[in-house]
C-alpha atoms as a PDB file:
ATOM      1  CA  MET A   1     -18.272  -6.031  28.988  1.00  0.00           C
ATOM      2  CA  PRO A   2     -18.781  -2.836  26.929  1.00  0.00           C
ATOM      3  CA  GLU A   3     -19.730  -2.921  23.307  1.00  0.00           C
ATOM      4  CA  PRO A   4     -17.014  -2.305  20.944  1.00  0.00           C
ATOM      5  CA  ALA A   5     -16.775   1.171  19.359  1.00  0.00           C
ATOM      6  CA  ARG A   6     -18.395   1.475  15.951  1.00  0.00           C
ATOM      7  CA  ALA A   7     -16.105   1.390  12.949  1.00  0.00           C
ATOM      8  CA  ARG A   8     -15.781   4.647  11.133  1.00  0.00           C
ATOM      9  CA  ALA A   9     -15.557   4.718   7.268  1.00  0.00           C
ATOM     10  CA  VAL A  10     -12.076   5.410   5.924  1.00  0.00           C
ATOM     11  CA  PHE A  11     -13.044   7.075   2.747  1.00  0.00           C
ATOM     12  CA  SER A  12     -15.689   9.422   1.885  1.00  0.00           C
ATOM     13  CA  THR A  13     -18.081   9.357  -1.165  1.00  0.00           C
ATOM     14  CA  GLU A  14     -15.892  12.383  -2.432  1.00  0.00           C
ATOM     15  CA  ASP A  15     -12.738  10.144  -1.811  1.00  0.00           C
ATOM     16  CA  PHE A  16     -13.922   7.476  -4.052  1.00  0.00           C
ATOM     17  CA  LYS A  17     -14.690   9.850  -6.856  1.00  0.00           C
ATOM     18  CA  LEU A  18     -11.251  11.405  -6.701  1.00  0.00           C
ATOM     19  CA  LEU A  19      -9.713   7.932  -6.515  1.00  0.00           C
ATOM     20  CA  ARG A  20     -11.718   6.740  -9.516  1.00  0.00           C
ATOM     21  CA  GLU A  21     -10.713   9.667 -11.504  1.00  0.00           C
ATOM     22  CA  ALA A  22      -6.954   9.194 -10.740  1.00  0.00           C
ATOM     23  CA  VAL A  23      -7.322   5.533 -11.664  1.00  0.00           C
ATOM     24  CA  ARG A  24      -9.160   6.364 -14.921  1.00  0.00           C
ATOM     25  CA  HIS A  25      -6.348   8.797 -15.830  1.00  0.00           C
ATOM     26  CA  TYR A  26      -3.752   6.038 -15.086  1.00  0.00           C
ATOM     27  CA  ILE A  27      -5.556   3.621 -17.342  1.00  0.00           C
ATOM     28  CA  GLN A  28      -5.862   6.075 -20.304  1.00  0.00           C
ATOM     29  CA  THR A  29      -2.060   6.988 -19.989  1.00  0.00           C
ATOM     30  CA  HIS A  30      -0.883   3.388 -19.450  1.00  0.00           C
ATOM     31  CA  GLU A  31      -3.279   1.475 -21.671  1.00  0.00           C
ATOM     32  CA  ASP A  32      -0.454  -0.640 -23.395  1.00  0.00           C
ATOM     33  CA  GLU A  33       1.099  -2.009 -20.062  1.00  0.00           C
ATOM     34  CA  PRO A  34       0.136  -5.328 -18.721  1.00  0.00           C
ATOM     35  CA  GLU A  35      -0.590  -4.021 -15.083  1.00  0.00           C
ATOM     36  CA  THR A  36      -3.314  -1.881 -16.531  1.00  0.00           C
ATOM     37  CA  ALA A  37      -5.776  -4.677 -16.280  1.00  0.00           C
ATOM     38  CA  LYS A  38      -5.424  -4.618 -12.519  1.00  0.00           C
ATOM     39  CA  PHE A  39      -6.232  -0.886 -12.518  1.00  0.00           C
ATOM     40  CA  VAL A  40      -9.266  -1.562 -14.754  1.00  0.00           C
ATOM     41  CA  HIS A  41     -10.776  -4.042 -12.108  1.00  0.00           C
ATOM     42  CA  LEU A  42      -9.949  -1.578  -9.357  1.00  0.00           C
ATOM     43  CA  PHE A  43     -11.805   1.138 -11.403  1.00  0.00           C
ATOM     44  CA  HIS A  44     -14.843  -0.870 -11.497  1.00  0.00           C
ATOM     45  CA  ARG A  45     -14.736  -1.797  -7.816  1.00  0.00           C
ATOM     46  CA  LEU A  46     -14.347   1.824  -6.776  1.00  0.00           C
ATOM     47  CA  GLY A  47     -17.427   2.579  -9.065  1.00  0.00           C
ATOM     48  CA  SER A  48     -19.523   0.107  -7.415  1.00  0.00           C
ATOM     49  CA  GLY A  49     -18.590   1.314  -3.803  1.00  0.00           C
ATOM     50  CA  ALA A  50     -19.158   5.003  -4.601  1.00  0.00           C
ATOM     51  CA  ARG A  51     -22.852   4.974  -4.866  1.00  0.00           C
END
């Protein structure tokens, strides 16, 4: 049986930088909303994956 094809990365390092910047902007403009806490957690996860 042939070996399965290797998985490709969906996002590049540059994509993570752009996503992190977009999430940062959202956090700053929606800081008083309850949902913002979820975006803060996402922001930190994007930061740890982009390095």
